[in-house]
Amino acid sequence: MGAVIGGATTRSGWDTAVYGLVGGTLGVIGDALVDDVFYTMITDLQIRERPLKGESITQSQDTNAKQGTATRLRQEIKSENIKWKIYRTRIVSTANKVNLKFEEAKPGLINGLVRSISGIF
């Protein structure tokens, strides 16, 4: 904006600098009044299903997670004839708008989560 005001004047270089400074100041103030807000909601979902009668389920899980910068946790689990089928997924929902308040974003985030979960079934 400052460049437009400064370039539009045909006066001396001093006037151009003043208009440029005023326009730049107005631009900074305008940017301070406008906030680009971004909310992210991460939902870990685990669904458990009982196996059919006579169905045998074998589960193997291998986790290799870093804890901090130097520690590493290694875990291995093996099970035979477990009582549940387990499905896991992660759903990421986002909302982005100028001057967005969480209460305004919440219904959209919830609706997106419900849509994602219902799509699984």
PDB file of N, CA and C in Angstrom:
ATOM      1  N   MET A   1       0.834  -1.183   0.000  1.00  0.00           N
ATOM      2  CA  MET A   1       0.000   0.000   0.000  1.00  0.00           C
ATOM      3  C   MET A   1       0.872   1.237   0.000  1.00  0.00           C
ATOM      4  N   GLY A   2       1.950   1.224   0.785  1.00  0.00           N
ATOM      5  CA  GLY A   2       2.868   2.359   0.844  1.00  0.00           C
ATOM      6  C   GLY A   2       3.486   2.631  -0.504  1.00  0.00           C
ATOM      7  N   ALA A   3       3.807   1.577  -1.241  1.00  0.00           N
ATOM      8  CA  ALA A   3       4.405   1.751  -2.564  1.00  0.00           C
ATOM      9  C   ALA A   3       3.411   2.379  -3.529  1.00  0.00           C
ATOM     10  N   VAL A   4       2.153   2.027  -3.425  1.00  0.00           N
ATOM     11  CA  VAL A   4       1.123   2.594  -4.301  1.00  0.00           C
ATOM     12  C   VAL A   4       0.952   4.074  -4.019  1.00  0.00           C
ATOM     13  N   ILE A   5       0.854   4.429  -2.730  1.00  0.00           N
ATOM     14  CA  ILE A   5       0.701   5.846  -2.366  1.00  0.00           C
ATOM     15  C   ILE A   5       1.935   6.628  -2.775  1.00  0.00           C
ATOM     16  N   GLY A   6       3.106   6.072  -2.493  1.00  0.00           N
ATOM     17  CA  GLY A   6       4.340   6.768  -2.838  1.00  0.00           C
ATOM     18  C   GLY A   6       4.503   6.920  -4.337  1.00  0.00           C
ATOM     19  N   GLY A   7       4.162   5.916  -5.099  1.00  0.00           N
ATOM     20  CA  GLY A   7       4.303   5.979  -6.543  1.00  0.00           C
ATOM     21  C   GLY A   7       3.268   6.859  -7.199  1.00  0.00           C
ATOM     22  N   ALA A   8       2.130   7.060  -6.563  1.00  0.00           N
ATOM     23  CA  ALA A   8       1.055   7.857  -7.146  1.00  0.00           C
ATOM     24  C   ALA A   8       1.317   9.346  -7.017  1.00  0.00           C
ATOM     25  N   THR A   9       2.198   9.735  -6.135  1.00  0.00           N
ATOM     26  CA  THR A   9       2.474  11.163  -5.944  1.00  0.00           C
ATOM     27  C   THR A   9       3.485  11.621  -6.981  1.00  0.00           C
ATOM     28  N   THR A  10       3.326  12.848  -7.406  1.00  0.00           N
ATOM     29  CA  THR A  10       4.260  13.418  -8.389  1.00  0.00           C
ATOM     30  C   THR A  10       5.037  14.562  -7.768  1.00  0.00           C
ATOM     31  N   ARG A  11       5.136  14.607  -6.478  1.00  0.00           N
ATOM     32  CA  ARG A  11       5.830  15.679  -5.792  1.00  0.00           C
ATOM     33  C   ARG A  11       7.297  15.333  -5.621  1.00  0.00           C
ATOM     34  N   SER A  12       7.923  16.009  -4.690  1.00  0.00           N
ATOM     35  CA  SER A  12       9.351  15.801  -4.472  1.00  0.00           C
ATOM     36  C   SER A  12       9.616  14.450  -3.838  1.00  0.00           C
ATOM     37  N   GLY A  13      10.882  14.055  -3.807  1.00  0.00           N
ATOM     38  CA  GLY A  13      11.280  12.798  -3.194  1.00  0.00           C
ATOM     39  C   GLY A  13      10.925  12.744  -1.726  1.00  0.00           C
ATOM     40  N   TRP A  14      10.940  13.882  -1.044  1.00  0.00           N
ATOM     41  CA  TRP A  14      10.595  13.947   0.379  1.00  0.00           C
ATOM     42  C   TRP A  14       9.132  13.565   0.573  1.00  0.00           C
ATOM     43  N   ASP A  15       8.255  14.126  -0.245  1.00  0.00           N
ATOM     44  CA  ASP A  15       6.825  13.789  -0.150  1.00  0.00           C
ATOM     45  C   ASP A  15       6.595  12.298  -0.421  1.00  0.00           C
ATOM     46  N   THR A  16       7.303  11.768  -1.407  1.00  0.00           N
ATOM     47  CA  THR A  16       7.176  10.350  -1.739  1.00  0.00           C
ATOM     48  C   THR A  16       7.576   9.481  -0.552  1.00  0.00           C
ATOM     49  N   ALA A  17       8.659   9.856   0.116  1.00  0.00           N
ATOM     50  CA  ALA A  17       9.122   9.102   1.289  1.00  0.00           C
ATOM     51  C   ALA A  17       8.105   9.181   2.420  1.00  0.00           C
ATOM     52  N   VAL A  18       7.527  10.357   2.640  1.00  0.00           N
ATOM     53  CA  VAL A  18       6.531  10.515   3.707  1.00  0.00           C
ATOM     54  C   VAL A  18       5.292   9.678   3.402  1.00  0.00           C
ATOM     55  N   TYR A  19       4.799   9.771   2.164  1.00  0.00           N
ATOM     56  CA  TYR A  19       3.625   8.971   1.794  1.00  0.00           C
ATOM     57  C   TYR A  19       3.927   7.471   1.886  1.00  0.00           C
ATOM     58  N   GLY A  20       5.111   7.098   1.480  1.00  0.00           N
ATOM     59  CA  GLY A  20       5.507   5.692   1.585  1.00  0.00           C
ATOM     60  C   GLY A  20       5.545   5.230   3.029  1.00  0.00           C
ATOM     61  N   LEU A  21       6.067   6.067   3.923  1.00  0.00           N
ATOM     62  CA  LEU A  21       6.131   5.740   5.348  1.00  0.00           C
ATOM     63  C   LEU A  21       4.732   5.636   5.947  1.00  0.00           C
ATOM     64  N   VAL A  22       3.858   6.578   5.594  1.00  0.00           N
ATOM     65  CA  VAL A  22       2.482   6.552   6.097  1.00  0.00           C
ATOM     66  C   VAL A  22       1.766   5.299   5.576  1.00  0.00           C
ATOM     67  N   GLY A  23       1.935   5.008   4.287  1.00  0.00           N
ATOM     68  CA  GLY A  23       1.290   3.824   3.719  1.00  0.00           C
ATOM     69  C   GLY A  23       1.810   2.541   4.343  1.00  0.00           C
ATOM     70  N   GLY A  24       3.102   2.468   4.581  1.00  0.00           N
ATOM     71  CA  GLY A  24       3.684   1.296   5.231  1.00  0.00           C
ATOM     72  C   GLY A  24       3.165   1.113   6.639  1.00  0.00           C
ATOM     73  N   THR A  25       3.044   2.228   7.373  1.00  0.00           N
ATOM     74  CA  THR A  25       2.515   2.174   8.737  1.00  0.00           C
ATOM     75  C   THR A  25       1.071   1.678   8.732  1.00  0.00           C
ATOM     76  N   LEU A  26       0.278   2.194   7.790  1.00  0.00           N
ATOM     77  CA  LEU A  26      -1.121   1.735   7.687  1.00  0.00           C
ATOM     78  C   LEU A  26      -1.182   0.246   7.347  1.00  0.00           C
ATOM     79  N   GLY A  27      -0.262  -0.215   6.512  1.00  0.00           N
ATOM     80  CA  GLY A  27      -0.218  -1.638   6.173  1.00  0.00           C
ATOM     81  C   GLY A  27       0.094  -2.498   7.382  1.00  0.00           C
ATOM     82  N   VAL A  28       1.038  -2.067   8.209  1.00  0.00           N
ATOM     83  CA  VAL A  28       1.390  -2.812   9.425  1.00  0.00           C
ATOM     84  C   VAL A  28       0.213  -2.849  10.383  1.00  0.00           C
ATOM     85  N   ILE A  29      -0.462  -1.709  10.549  1.00  0.00           N
ATOM     86  CA  ILE A  29      -1.626  -1.655  11.445  1.00  0.00           C
ATOM     87  C   ILE A  29      -2.742  -2.562  10.921  1.00  0.00           C
ATOM     88  N   GLY A  30      -2.975  -2.541   9.603  1.00  0.00           N
ATOM     89  CA  GLY A  30      -4.005  -3.400   9.020  1.00  0.00           C
ATOM     90  C   GLY A  30      -3.684  -4.871   9.214  1.00  0.00           C
ATOM     91  N   ASP A  31      -2.408  -5.240   9.044  1.00  0.00           N
ATOM     92  CA  ASP A  31      -2.007  -6.637   9.252  1.00  0.00           C
ATOM     93  C   ASP A  31      -2.169  -7.045  10.710  1.00  0.00           C
ATOM     94  N   ALA A  32      -1.963  -6.105  11.639  1.00  0.00           N
ATOM     95  CA  ALA A  32      -2.102  -6.424  13.064  1.00  0.00           C
ATOM     96  C   ALA A  32      -3.565  -6.681  13.425  1.00  0.00           C
ATOM     97  N   LEU A  33      -4.481  -6.080  12.695  1.00  0.00           N
ATOM     98  CA  LEU A  33      -5.902  -6.255  12.986  1.00  0.00           C
ATOM     99  C   LEU A  33      -6.460  -7.549  12.396  1.00  0.00           C
ATOM    100  N   VAL A  34      -5.749  -8.155  11.464  1.00  0.00           N
ATOM    101  CA  VAL A  34      -6.204  -9.362  10.796  1.00  0.00           C
ATOM    102  C   VAL A  34      -5.304 -10.518  11.214  1.00  0.00           C
ATOM    103  N   ASP A  35      -5.914 -11.574  11.748  1.00  0.00           N
ATOM    104  CA  ASP A  35      -5.180 -12.765  12.180  1.00  0.00           C
ATOM    105  C   ASP A  35      -5.610 -13.948  11.326  1.00  0.00           C
ATOM    106  N   ASP A  36      -4.653 -14.623  10.720  1.00  0.00           N
ATOM    107  CA  ASP A  36      -4.948 -15.848   9.986  1.00  0.00           C
ATOM    108  C   ASP A  36      -4.844 -16.999  10.990  1.00  0.00           C
ATOM    109  N   VAL A  37      -5.993 -17.548  11.389  1.00  0.00           N
ATOM    110  CA  VAL A  37      -6.051 -18.551  12.457  1.00  0.00           C
ATOM    111  C   VAL A  37      -6.238 -19.936  11.837  1.00  0.00           C
ATOM    112  N   PHE A  38      -5.501 -20.901  12.365  1.00  0.00           N
ATOM    113  CA  PHE A  38      -5.510 -22.262  11.840  1.00  0.00           C
ATOM    114  C   PHE A  38      -5.666 -23.216  13.020  1.00  0.00           C
ATOM    115  N   TYR A  39      -6.766 -23.975  13.056  1.00  0.00           N
ATOM    116  CA  TYR A  39      -6.984 -24.985  14.098  1.00  0.00           C
ATOM    117  C   TYR A  39      -6.813 -26.372  13.475  1.00  0.00           C
ATOM    118  N   THR A  40      -6.123 -27.245  14.196  1.00  0.00           N
ATOM    119  CA  THR A  40      -5.942 -28.621  13.756  1.00  0.00           C
ATOM    120  C   THR A  40      -6.409 -29.549  14.872  1.00  0.00           C
ATOM    121  N   MET A  41      -7.245 -30.511  14.538  1.00  0.00           N
ATOM    122  CA  MET A  41      -7.737 -31.478  15.510  1.00  0.00           C
ATOM    123  C   MET A  41      -7.293 -32.863  15.050  1.00  0.00           C
ATOM    124  N   ILE A  42      -6.558 -33.558  15.904  1.00  0.00           N
ATOM    125  CA  ILE A  42      -6.072 -34.895  15.586  1.00  0.00           C
ATOM    126  C   ILE A  42      -6.810 -35.890  16.477  1.00  0.00           C
ATOM    127  N   THR A  43      -7.450 -36.860  15.850  1.00  0.00           N
ATOM    128  CA  THR A  43      -8.233 -37.848  16.582  1.00  0.00           C
ATOM    129  C   THR A  43      -7.696 -39.238  16.280  1.00  0.00           C
ATOM    130  N   ASP A  44      -7.276 -39.945  17.313  1.00  0.00           N
ATOM    131  CA  ASP A  44      -6.868 -41.341  17.167  1.00  0.00           C
ATOM    132  C   ASP A  44      -8.093 -42.200  17.434  1.00  0.00           C
ATOM    133  N   LEU A  45      -8.406 -43.077  16.500  1.00  0.00           N
ATOM    134  CA  LEU A  45      -9.612 -43.879  16.582  1.00  0.00           C
ATOM    135  C   LEU A  45      -9.236 -45.358  16.638  1.00  0.00           C
ATOM    136  N   GLN A  46      -9.836 -46.073  17.580  1.00  0.00           N
ATOM    137  CA  GLN A  46      -9.646 -47.518  17.679  1.00  0.00           C
ATOM    138  C   GLN A  46     -11.013 -48.164  17.697  1.00  0.00           C
ATOM    139  N   ILE A  47     -11.216 -49.087  16.779  1.00  0.00           N
ATOM    140  CA  ILE A  47     -12.487 -49.804  16.676  1.00  0.00           C
ATOM    141  C   ILE A  47     -12.206 -51.269  16.984  1.00  0.00           C
ATOM    142  N   ARG A  48     -13.023 -51.842  17.854  1.00  0.00           N
ATOM    143  CA  ARG A  48     -12.871 -53.258  18.227  1.00  0.00           C
ATOM    144  C   ARG A  48     -14.098 -54.018  17.766  1.00  0.00           C
ATOM    145  N   GLU A  49     -13.852 -55.166  17.168  1.00  0.00           N
ATOM    146  CA  GLU A  49     -14.933 -55.995  16.643  1.00  0.00           C
ATOM    147  C   GLU A  49     -14.731 -57.431  17.129  1.00  0.00           C
ATOM    148  N   ARG A  50     -15.816 -58.036  17.599  1.00  0.00           N
ATOM    149  CA  ARG A  50     -15.735 -59.432  18.019  1.00  0.00           C
ATOM    150  C   ARG A  50     -15.632 -60.306  16.778  1.00  0.00           C
ATOM    151  N   PRO A  51     -14.796 -61.339  16.831  1.00  0.00           N
ATOM    152  CA  PRO A  51     -14.685 -62.241  15.674  1.00  0.00           C
ATOM    153  C   PRO A  51     -15.945 -63.084  15.514  1.00  0.00           C
ATOM    154  N   LEU A  52     -16.141 -63.601  14.328  1.00  0.00           N
ATOM    155  CA  LEU A  52     -17.267 -64.495  14.071  1.00  0.00           C
ATOM    156  C   LEU A  52     -17.051 -65.802  14.822  1.00  0.00           C
ATOM    157  N   LYS A  53     -18.120 -66.532  15.055  1.00  0.00           N
ATOM    158  CA  LYS A  53     -18.017 -67.801  15.776  1.00  0.00           C
ATOM    159  C   LYS A  53     -17.130 -68.763  14.991  1.00  0.00           C
ATOM    160  N   GLY A  54     -16.131 -69.315  15.661  1.00  0.00           N
ATOM    161  CA  GLY A  54     -15.198 -70.236  15.041  1.00  0.00           C
ATOM    162  C   GLY A  54     -14.027 -69.553  14.352  1.00  0.00           C
ATOM    163  N   GLU A  55     -14.047 -68.238  14.269  1.00  0.00           N
ATOM    164  CA  GLU A  55     -12.966 -67.490  13.618  1.00  0.00           C
ATOM    165  C   GLU A  55     -11.795 -67.347  14.589  1.00  0.00           C
ATOM    166  N   SER A  56     -10.607 -67.638  14.147  1.00  0.00           N
ATOM    167  CA  SER A  56      -9.404 -67.536  14.970  1.00  0.00           C
ATOM    168  C   SER A  56      -8.579 -66.362  14.464  1.00  0.00           C
ATOM    169  N   ILE A  57      -8.153 -65.523  15.373  1.00  0.00           N
ATOM    170  CA  ILE A  57      -7.409 -64.321  15.009  1.00  0.00           C
ATOM    171  C   ILE A  57      -6.028 -64.383  15.644  1.00  0.00           C
ATOM    172  N   THR A  58      -5.020 -64.116  14.842  1.00  0.00           N
ATOM    173  CA  THR A  58      -3.653 -64.020  15.332  1.00  0.00           C
ATOM    174  C   THR A  58      -3.208 -62.578  15.126  1.00  0.00           C
ATOM    175  N   GLN A  59      -2.632 -62.001  16.150  1.00  0.00           N
ATOM    176  CA  GLN A  59      -2.219 -60.601  16.073  1.00  0.00           C
ATOM    177  C   GLN A  59      -0.735 -60.484  16.373  1.00  0.00           C
ATOM    178  N   SER A  60      -0.065 -59.654  15.603  1.00  0.00           N
ATOM    179  CA  SER A  60       1.334 -59.364  15.840  1.00  0.00           C
ATOM    180  C   SER A  60       1.514 -57.858  15.768  1.00  0.00           C
ATOM    181  N   GLN A  61       2.139 -57.290  16.762  1.00  0.00           N
ATOM    182  CA  GLN A  61       2.349 -55.847  16.810  1.00  0.00           C
ATOM    183  C   GLN A  61       3.811 -55.572  17.097  1.00  0.00           C
ATOM    184  N   ASP A  62       4.411 -54.683  16.325  1.00  0.00           N
ATOM    185  CA  ASP A  62       5.801 -54.314  16.510  1.00  0.00           C
ATOM    186  C   ASP A  62       5.872 -52.801  16.603  1.00  0.00           C
ATOM    187  N   THR A  63       6.324 -52.278  17.730  1.00  0.00           N
ATOM    188  CA  THR A  63       6.423 -50.841  17.939  1.00  0.00           C
ATOM    189  C   THR A  63       7.880 -50.468  18.099  1.00  0.00           C
ATOM    190  N   ASN A  64       8.287 -49.449  17.382  1.00  0.00           N
ATOM    191  CA  ASN A  64       9.642 -48.936  17.490  1.00  0.00           C
ATOM    192  C   ASN A  64       9.525 -47.422  17.604  1.00  0.00           C
ATOM    193  N   ALA A  65       9.361 -46.912  18.830  1.00  0.00           N
ATOM    194  CA  ALA A  65       9.106 -45.496  19.049  1.00  0.00           C
ATOM    195  C   ALA A  65      10.286 -44.837  19.747  1.00  0.00           C
ATOM    196  N   LYS A  66      10.665 -43.671  19.246  1.00  0.00           N
ATOM    197  CA  LYS A  66      11.731 -42.915  19.897  1.00  0.00           C
ATOM    198  C   LYS A  66      11.124 -42.080  21.022  1.00  0.00           C
ATOM    199  N   GLN A  67      11.798 -42.075  22.140  1.00  0.00           N
ATOM    200  CA  GLN A  67      11.378 -41.271  23.294  1.00  0.00           C
ATOM    201  C   GLN A  67      12.471 -40.243  23.534  1.00  0.00           C
ATOM    202  N   GLY A  68      12.162 -38.973  23.363  1.00  0.00           N
ATOM    203  CA  GLY A  68      13.191 -37.956  23.531  1.00  0.00           C
ATOM    204  C   GLY A  68      14.160 -38.003  22.359  1.00  0.00           C
ATOM    205  N   THR A  69      15.427 -37.701  22.627  1.00  0.00           N
ATOM    206  CA  THR A  69      16.402 -37.674  21.540  1.00  0.00           C
ATOM    207  C   THR A  69      17.336 -38.876  21.555  1.00  0.00           C
ATOM    208  N   ALA A  70      17.437 -39.578  22.680  1.00  0.00           N
ATOM    209  CA  ALA A  70      18.417 -40.653  22.757  1.00  0.00           C
ATOM    210  C   ALA A  70      17.816 -42.004  23.113  1.00  0.00           C
ATOM    211  N   THR A  71      16.664 -42.026  23.737  1.00  0.00           N
ATOM    212  CA  THR A  71      16.077 -43.282  24.200  1.00  0.00           C
ATOM    213  C   THR A  71      15.193 -43.871  23.118  1.00  0.00           C
ATOM    214  N   ARG A  72      15.250 -45.164  22.949  1.00  0.00           N
ATOM    215  CA  ARG A  72      14.401 -45.850  21.982  1.00  0.00           C
ATOM    216  C   ARG A  72      13.671 -46.982  22.686  1.00  0.00           C
ATOM    217  N   LEU A  73      12.373 -47.032  22.514  1.00  0.00           N
ATOM    218  CA  LEU A  73      11.537 -48.076  23.102  1.00  0.00           C
ATOM    219  C   LEU A  73      11.216 -49.094  22.014  1.00  0.00           C
ATOM    220  N   ARG A  74      11.488 -50.356  22.272  1.00  0.00           N
ATOM    221  CA  ARG A  74      11.154 -51.419  21.326  1.00  0.00           C
ATOM    222  C   ARG A  74      10.252 -52.412  22.030  1.00  0.00           C
ATOM    223  N   GLN A  75       9.124 -52.692  21.433  1.00  0.00           N
ATOM    224  CA  GLN A  75       8.133 -53.553  22.053  1.00  0.00           C
ATOM    225  C   GLN A  75       7.587 -54.496  20.991  1.00  0.00           C
ATOM    226  N   GLU A  76       7.451 -55.741  21.332  1.00  0.00           N
ATOM    227  CA  GLU A  76       6.897 -56.719  20.399  1.00  0.00           C
ATOM    228  C   GLU A  76       5.852 -57.546  21.135  1.00  0.00           C
ATOM    229  N   ILE A  77       4.675 -57.632  20.554  1.00  0.00           N
ATOM    230  CA  ILE A  77       3.579 -58.365  21.178  1.00  0.00           C
ATOM    231  C   ILE A  77       3.061 -59.386  20.165  1.00  0.00           C
ATOM    232  N   LYS A  78       2.911 -60.628  20.583  1.00  0.00           N
ATOM    233  CA  LYS A  78       2.315 -61.673  19.736  1.00  0.00           C
ATOM    234  C   LYS A  78       1.227 -62.366  20.532  1.00  0.00           C
ATOM    235  N   SER A  79       0.090 -62.515  19.913  1.00  0.00           N
ATOM    236  CA  SER A  79      -1.045 -63.141  20.592  1.00  0.00           C
ATOM    237  C   SER A  79      -1.687 -64.176  19.682  1.00  0.00           C
ATOM    238  N   GLU A  80      -2.214 -65.186  20.270  1.00  0.00           N
ATOM    239  CA  GLU A  80      -2.965 -66.221  19.557  1.00  0.00           C
ATOM    240  C   GLU A  80      -4.398 -66.206  20.083  1.00  0.00           C
ATOM    241  N   ASN A  81      -5.340 -66.419  19.202  1.00  0.00           N
ATOM    242  CA  ASN A  81      -6.756 -66.522  19.572  1.00  0.00           C
ATOM    243  C   ASN A  81      -7.218 -65.349  20.450  1.00  0.00           C
ATOM    244  N   ILE A  82      -7.023 -64.146  19.969  1.00  0.00           N
ATOM    245  CA  ILE A  82      -7.473 -62.980  20.728  1.00  0.00           C
ATOM    246  C   ILE A  82      -8.988 -62.833  20.585  1.00  0.00           C
ATOM    247  N   LYS A  83      -9.587 -62.073  21.467  1.00  0.00           N
ATOM    248  CA  LYS A  83     -11.042 -61.966  21.516  1.00  0.00           C
ATOM    249  C   LYS A  83     -11.596 -60.783  20.724  1.00  0.00           C
ATOM    250  N   TRP A  84     -10.720 -59.938  20.180  1.00  0.00           N
ATOM    251  CA  TRP A  84     -11.180 -58.771  19.451  1.00  0.00           C
ATOM    252  C   TRP A  84     -10.351 -58.560  18.188  1.00  0.00           C
ATOM    253  N   LYS A  85     -11.007 -58.125  17.127  1.00  0.00           N
ATOM    254  CA  LYS A  85     -10.304 -57.585  15.964  1.00  0.00           C
ATOM    255  C   LYS A  85     -10.131 -56.094  16.259  1.00  0.00           C
ATOM    256  N   ILE A  86      -8.953 -55.592  16.086  1.00  0.00           N
ATOM    257  CA  ILE A  86      -8.688 -54.186  16.423  1.00  0.00           C
ATOM    258  C   ILE A  86      -8.244 -53.447  15.161  1.00  0.00           C
ATOM    259  N   TYR A  87      -8.911 -52.330  14.902  1.00  0.00           N
ATOM    260  CA  TYR A  87      -8.575 -51.464  13.776  1.00  0.00           C
ATOM    261  C   TYR A  87      -8.230 -50.089  14.346  1.00  0.00           C
ATOM    262  N   ARG A  88      -7.140 -49.521  13.870  1.00  0.00           N
ATOM    263  CA  ARG A  88      -6.719 -48.195  14.355  1.00  0.00           C
ATOM    264  C   ARG A  88      -6.498 -47.273  13.168  1.00  0.00           C
ATOM    265  N   THR A  89      -6.852 -46.023  13.360  1.00  0.00           N
ATOM    266  CA  THR A  89      -6.597 -45.004  12.346  1.00  0.00           C
ATOM    267  C   THR A  89      -6.475 -43.645  13.027  1.00  0.00           C
ATOM    268  N   ARG A  90      -5.962 -42.681  12.302  1.00  0.00           N
ATOM    269  CA  ARG A  90      -5.835 -41.305  12.799  1.00  0.00           C
ATOM    270  C   ARG A  90      -6.536 -40.391  11.811  1.00  0.00           C
ATOM    271  N   ILE A  91      -7.368 -39.506  12.343  1.00  0.00           N
ATOM    272  CA  ILE A  91      -8.120 -38.562  11.515  1.00  0.00           C
ATOM    273  C   ILE A  91      -7.638 -37.156  11.859  1.00  0.00           C
ATOM    274  N   VAL A  92      -7.249 -36.407  10.835  1.00  0.00           N
ATOM    275  CA  VAL A  92      -6.784 -35.038  11.027  1.00  0.00           C
ATOM    276  C   VAL A  92      -7.808 -34.104  10.398  1.00  0.00           C
ATOM    277  N   SER A  93      -8.329 -33.170  11.208  1.00  0.00           N
ATOM    278  CA  SER A  93      -9.298 -32.187  10.735  1.00  0.00           C
ATOM    279  C   SER A  93      -8.680 -30.803  10.892  1.00  0.00           C
ATOM    280  N   THR A  94      -8.943 -29.913   9.940  1.00  0.00           N
ATOM    281  CA  THR A  94      -8.393 -28.564  10.009  1.00  0.00           C
ATOM    282  C   THR A  94      -9.465 -27.526   9.726  1.00  0.00           C
ATOM    283  N   ALA A  95      -9.271 -26.341  10.289  1.00  0.00           N
ATOM    284  CA  ALA A  95     -10.127 -25.184  10.018  1.00  0.00           C
ATOM    285  C   ALA A  95      -9.213 -23.976   9.904  1.00  0.00           C
ATOM    286  N   ASN A  96      -9.409 -23.164   8.871  1.00  0.00           N
ATOM    287  CA  ASN A  96      -8.568 -22.004   8.639  1.00  0.00           C
ATOM    288  C   ASN A  96      -9.427 -20.855   8.139  1.00  0.00           C
ATOM    289  N   LYS A  97      -9.302 -19.704   8.812  1.00  0.00           N
ATOM    290  CA  LYS A  97     -10.083 -18.535   8.417  1.00  0.00           C
ATOM    291  C   LYS A  97      -9.475 -17.312   9.092  1.00  0.00           C
ATOM    292  N   VAL A  98      -9.701 -16.157   8.521  1.00  0.00           N
ATOM    293  CA  VAL A  98      -9.226 -14.922   9.124  1.00  0.00           C
ATOM    294  C   VAL A  98     -10.036 -14.643  10.381  1.00  0.00           C
ATOM    295  N   ASN A  99      -9.341 -14.342  11.477  1.00  0.00           N
ATOM    296  CA  ASN A  99      -9.959 -14.008  12.776  1.00  0.00           C
ATOM    297  C   ASN A  99     -10.905 -15.094  13.275  1.00  0.00           C
ATOM    298  N   LEU A 100     -10.583 -16.349  13.029  1.00  0.00           N
ATOM    299  CA  LEU A 100     -11.431 -17.474  13.422  1.00  0.00           C
ATOM    300  C   LEU A 100     -11.324 -17.735  14.924  1.00  0.00           C
ATOM    301  N   LYS A 101     -12.446 -17.876  15.561  1.00  0.00           N
ATOM    302  CA  LYS A 101     -12.510 -18.247  16.983  1.00  0.00           C
ATOM    303  C   LYS A 101     -12.828 -19.740  17.061  1.00  0.00           C
ATOM    304  N   PHE A 102     -12.341 -20.399  18.114  1.00  0.00           N
ATOM    305  CA  PHE A 102     -12.519 -21.843  18.225  1.00  0.00           C
ATOM    306  C   PHE A 102     -13.991 -22.228  18.250  1.00  0.00           C
ATOM    307  N   GLU A 103     -14.813 -21.458  18.945  1.00  0.00           N
ATOM    308  CA  GLU A 103     -16.254 -21.780  19.026  1.00  0.00           C
ATOM    309  C   GLU A 103     -16.897 -21.753  17.644  1.00  0.00           C
ATOM    310  N   GLU A 104     -16.382 -20.924  16.752  1.00  0.00           N
ATOM    311  CA  GLU A 104     -16.905 -20.874  15.390  1.00  0.00           C
ATOM    312  C   GLU A 104     -16.399 -22.063  14.563  1.00  0.00           C
ATOM    313  N   ALA A 105     -15.178 -22.513  14.844  1.00  0.00           N
ATOM    314  CA  ALA A 105     -14.577 -23.621  14.090  1.00  0.00           C
ATOM    315  C   ALA A 105     -15.062 -24.978  14.576  1.00  0.00           C
ATOM    316  N   LYS A 106     -15.472 -25.057  15.830  1.00  0.00           N
ATOM    317  CA  LYS A 106     -15.812 -26.337  16.463  1.00  0.00           C
ATOM    318  C   LYS A 106     -16.885 -27.134  15.714  1.00  0.00           C
ATOM    319  N   PRO A 107     -18.016 -26.542  15.313  1.00  0.00           N
ATOM    320  CA  PRO A 107     -19.031 -27.340  14.598  1.00  0.00           C
ATOM    321  C   PRO A 107     -18.501 -27.948  13.295  1.00  0.00           C
ATOM    322  N   GLY A 108     -17.721 -27.196  12.540  1.00  0.00           N
ATOM    323  CA  GLY A 108     -17.164 -27.720  11.298  1.00  0.00           C
ATOM    324  C   GLY A 108     -16.174 -28.842  11.542  1.00  0.00           C
ATOM    325  N   LEU A 109     -15.352 -28.701  12.588  1.00  0.00           N
ATOM    326  CA  LEU A 109     -14.397 -29.754  12.931  1.00  0.00           C
ATOM    327  C   LEU A 109     -15.126 -31.030  13.345  1.00  0.00           C
ATOM    328  N   ILE A 110     -16.165 -30.872  14.146  1.00  0.00           N
ATOM    329  CA  ILE A 110     -16.942 -32.034  14.601  1.00  0.00           C
ATOM    330  C   ILE A 110     -17.656 -32.701  13.425  1.00  0.00           C
ATOM    331  N   ASN A 111     -18.265 -31.900  12.544  1.00  0.00           N
ATOM    332  CA  ASN A 111     -18.964 -32.472  11.380  1.00  0.00           C
ATOM    333  C   ASN A 111     -18.003 -33.236  10.480  1.00  0.00           C
ATOM    334  N   GLY A 112     -16.795 -32.701  10.287  1.00  0.00           N
ATOM    335  CA  GLY A 112     -15.796 -33.397   9.478  1.00  0.00           C
ATOM    336  C   GLY A 112     -15.373 -34.705  10.112  1.00  0.00           C
ATOM    337  N   LEU A 113     -15.236 -34.713  11.445  1.00  0.00           N
ATOM    338  CA  LEU A 113     -14.867 -35.934  12.160  1.00  0.00           C
ATOM    339  C   LEU A 113     -15.976 -36.979  12.042  1.00  0.00           C
ATOM    340  N   VAL A 114     -17.225 -36.557  12.219  1.00  0.00           N
ATOM    341  CA  VAL A 114     -18.365 -37.469  12.106  1.00  0.00           C
ATOM    342  C   VAL A 114     -18.442 -38.051  10.697  1.00  0.00           C
ATOM    343  N   ARG A 115     -18.209 -37.221   9.680  1.00  0.00           N
ATOM    344  CA  ARG A 115     -18.237 -37.681   8.294  1.00  0.00           C
ATOM    345  C   ARG A 115     -17.139 -38.727   8.037  1.00  0.00           C
ATOM    346  N   SER A 116     -15.946 -38.477   8.598  1.00  0.00           N
ATOM    347  CA  SER A 116     -14.833 -39.426   8.416  1.00  0.00           C
ATOM    348  C   SER A 116     -15.105 -40.753   9.110  1.00  0.00           C
ATOM    349  N   ILE A 117     -15.610 -40.686  10.340  1.00  0.00           N
ATOM    350  CA  ILE A 117     -15.896 -41.923  11.084  1.00  0.00           C
ATOM    351  C   ILE A 117     -17.027 -42.704  10.431  1.00  0.00           C
ATOM    352  N   SER A 118     -18.068 -42.009   9.986  1.00  0.00           N
ATOM    353  CA  SER A 118     -19.189 -42.723   9.361  1.00  0.00           C
ATOM    354  C   SER A 118     -18.759 -43.337   8.036  1.00  0.00           C
ATOM    355  N   GLY A 119     -17.779 -42.761   7.366  1.00  0.00           N
ATOM    356  CA  GLY A 119     -17.270 -43.331   6.114  1.00  0.00           C
ATOM    357  C   GLY A 119     -16.533 -44.642   6.341  1.00  0.00           C
ATOM    358  N   ILE A 120     -16.009 -44.842   7.557  1.00  0.00           N
ATOM    359  CA  ILE A 120     -15.321 -46.096   7.880  1.00  0.00           C
ATOM    360  C   ILE A 120     -16.315 -47.243   7.950  1.00  0.00           C
ATOM    361  N   PHE A 121     -17.505 -46.961   8.475  1.00  0.00           N
ATOM    362  CA  PHE A 121     -18.508 -48.014   8.645  1.00  0.00           C
ATOM    363  C   PHE A 121     -19.312 -48.175   7.373  1.00  0.00           C
TER     364      PHE A 121
END
